[in-house]
Protein backbone atom coordinates (compact mmCIF):
# COMPACT_ATOMS: atom_id res chain seq x y z
CA UNK A 1 -0.21 0.25 0.13
CA UNK A 2 2.52 2.20 1.27
CA UNK A 3 4.67 1.72 -2.25
CA UNK A 4 1.99 2.19 -4.46
CA UNK A 5 0.81 6.01 -2.58
CA UNK A 6 4.52 6.65 -2.54
CA UNK A 7 4.67 5.88 -6.62
CA UNK A 8 1.71 7.92 -7.16
CA UNK A 9 2.81 10.84 -4.84
CA UNK A 10 6.03 10.64 -7.30
CA UNK A 11 4.11 10.77 -10.34
CA UNK A 12 2.35 13.62 -9.37
CA UNK A 13 5.70 15.15 -8.81
CA UNK A 14 7.19 14.73 -11.65
CA UNK A 15 4.64 15.55 -13.97
CA UNK A 16 4.24 18.65 -12.61
CA UNK A 17 0.87 18.03 -10.69
CA UNK A 18 -0.42 20.49 -7.44
CA UNK A 19 2.86 21.57 -7.27
CA UNK A 20 4.03 23.20 -10.62
CA UNK A 21 0.54 26.06 -10.19
CA UNK A 22 1.34 27.01 -6.82
CA UNK A 23 5.21 27.30 -7.55
CA UNK A 24 4.23 29.53 -10.30
CA UNK A 25 1.74 31.80 -8.97
CA UNK A 26 4.62 32.34 -6.66
CA UNK A 27 6.83 33.65 -9.09
CA UNK A 28 4.41 35.68 -10.61
CA UNK A 29 4.17 37.44 -6.98
CA UNK A 30 7.90 37.26 -6.28
CA UNK A 31 9.05 38.29 -9.56
CA UNK A 32 8.09 42.28 -9.46
CA UNK A 33 9.66 42.32 -5.94
CA UNK A 34 12.89 41.22 -7.37
CA UNK A 35 13.05 42.97 -10.20
CA UNK A 36 12.23 46.01 -7.99
CA UNK A 37 15.29 45.11 -5.74
CA UNK A 38 17.39 44.66 -8.28
CA UNK A 39 17.21 48.14 -10.13
CA UNK A 40 17.19 49.64 -6.24
CA UNK A 41 20.36 47.89 -5.67
CA UNK A 42 22.32 48.29 -8.94
CA UNK A 43 22.03 52.05 -9.23
CA UNK A 44 24.31 51.91 -5.69
CA UNK A 45 27.75 53.02 -6.83
CA UNK A 46 30.32 50.72 -4.75
CA UNK A 47 31.41 53.74 -3.87
CA UNK A 48 29.14 54.45 -1.48
CA UNK A 49 29.06 50.88 -0.48
CA UNK A 50 32.34 50.47 0.49
CA UNK A 51 31.96 53.81 2.19
CA UNK A 52 29.11 52.16 4.44
CA UNK A 53 30.89 49.18 4.99
CA UNK A 54 33.97 51.60 6.25
CA UNK A 55 31.77 53.67 8.49
CA UNK A 56 30.24 50.65 9.57
CA UNK A 57 33.35 49.04 10.97
CA UNK A 58 35.25 52.13 11.91
CA UNK A 59 32.31 53.13 14.36
CA UNK A 60 31.74 49.12 15.97
CA UNK A 61 36.03 49.68 16.75
CA UNK A 62 34.50 53.37 18.54
CA UNK A 63 32.15 51.70 20.25
CA UNK A 64 34.07 48.34 21.58
CA UNK A 65 36.84 51.31 22.85
CA UNK A 66 33.36 52.14 24.95
CA UNK A 67 33.42 49.25 26.73
CA UNK A 68 34.94 48.69 29.82
CA UNK A 69 38.28 47.05 30.45
CA UNK A 70 38.06 43.31 29.99
CA UNK A 71 41.00 40.62 30.70
CA UNK A 72 41.20 37.01 29.53
CA UNK A 73 40.67 35.54 32.64
CA UNK A 74 39.66 37.43 36.04
CA UNK A 75 40.87 34.50 38.24
CA UNK A 76 44.31 36.02 37.47
CA UNK A 77 43.48 38.86 39.01
CA UNK A 78 44.86 42.50 37.04
CA UNK A 79 47.99 40.79 35.38
CA UNK A 80 49.67 43.93 36.44
CA UNK A 81 47.68 46.17 34.46
CA UNK A 82 49.19 45.54 31.33
CA UNK A 83 47.69 47.04 28.11
CA UNK A 84 48.38 43.88 25.95
CA UNK A 85 46.34 41.83 28.67
CA UNK A 86 42.79 44.32 27.40
CA UNK A 87 40.66 42.53 24.65
CA UNK A 88 39.39 44.89 23.55
CA UNK A 89 42.75 46.06 22.09
CA UNK A 90 42.36 43.50 19.73
CA UNK A 91 39.51 43.97 19.27
CA UNK A 92 39.64 47.03 17.94
CA UNK A 93 43.24 46.23 15.76
CA UNK A 94 41.58 43.90 14.30
CA UNK A 95 38.87 45.62 12.91
CA UNK A 96 41.55 48.64 12.07
CA UNK A 97 43.29 45.65 9.74
CA UNK A 98 39.49 44.63 8.04
CA UNK A 99 39.58 48.64 8.02
CA UNK A 100 42.57 48.74 5.93
CA UNK A 101 42.60 45.50 3.60
CA UNK A 102 38.51 47.14 2.22
CA UNK A 103 40.45 50.07 1.62
CA UNK A 104 42.96 48.56 0.54
CA UNK A 105 41.18 46.04 -1.78
CA UNK A 106 38.13 47.70 -2.54
């Protein structure tokens, strides 16, 4: 019984069956939206996208600097107050390296 049902469903799907009208209706609804979104994004110049991305990275670096100091392991104490044990420094360094990469290669 299950084998027959499986064969019937397979043949219905293979021939388009009840899936094709739903798919066509969905395509008909989404195609104008996709075309509108493509035209909207194609009109944005690449320099503007690069600028927006770089500004976002720099704002993120500024936000990281404004956070309270974080140490890798609070159980070890202050670690002598060394600036290199502060995780904010490394996070900002990574963000600045990413920014430079995008500016050079962008």
